[in-house]
Amino acid sequence: MTVLKCIAVDDEPLALRLVETFIEQTPFLQLTASCDNAVEAMSLIREKQPDLVFLDINMPNLTGMELARLLQEQPGQVPKIVFTTAYNHYAIEGYKVNAVDYLLKPFSYEEFLRAANKVLQITEEASNNFQTVAADDEFIFLKVEYQWVRIPLKEILYIESLKDYVKVHLDDSQKGVLSLISLKALEEKLPSAKFMRVHRSFIVALDKINAITKNSIFIGKTEITVGEQYKETFKTIVDKWLK
């Protein structure tokens, strides 16, 4: 059974305790930490690497919505977010930061469980949509709609993140493929000698790079910006090429 590691964040003690209780009585959830402010939550998220954060919005210093935006800008896997709030006017903003659900206080365990199940379903679909088949790293299988598609690594140009999906761009003779899996999960399965994450939204095939500028990579006619947090690692690779 899939178990989701959770963090609960709320500046109201009673509300925080309620979420903790709901997590503890849900078999597929595991409470790894809780706190009463978004600043501490950011540190806990980096340390604990949770799958899911139940996040209050109205908090002092840093709001839950601001924290969610900051997490979107960070490298690595972003945890799923379920907002918990007493105010219904944040729903549209929650959608913009890819929140899975939005629980309006006071909410019942039934409503809480429905949101948690939604996260579980997304997580299991993503993990089931990838298989490494070749021991010599010559190809992968990705689930595309209702079938498994074999993709030779040598045909991949670059991979683009599209929210909960990735689009694998193939050589000019083929259409790209779309699969429900996170860029981080796919990155962990690809051979690091052949592929590199250069942006929070892009992985590139190193042998398909045609040109390089100070801040960009060109694969054919496509320009991909190198993200600030990836520049140092990429520079190390470039320096080896230019020796």
Foldseek 3Di string as FASTA:
>chain_A
DAAFEEEEEAQDVVVSVVVVVLQVPDVRYDYPYYDHDLVVVVVVCVVVVTQEYAAEADDPPAGRLNSLVVLLQDADDRHAYEYEYQDDPCVVSCVVSVHQYYHHPPDDSVVVVVSVVSSVVLVVQQVVQWDQDDPVQQWTWGDAPHDTDIGGPVQFFKWFDDRQKIWTCGPPVDHITIGRHGPNVVVVVHDPVQWDDQHSTMIGGVVQFDDDDQFWTDRPNDIDGGDPVRNVVVVVVVVVVVD
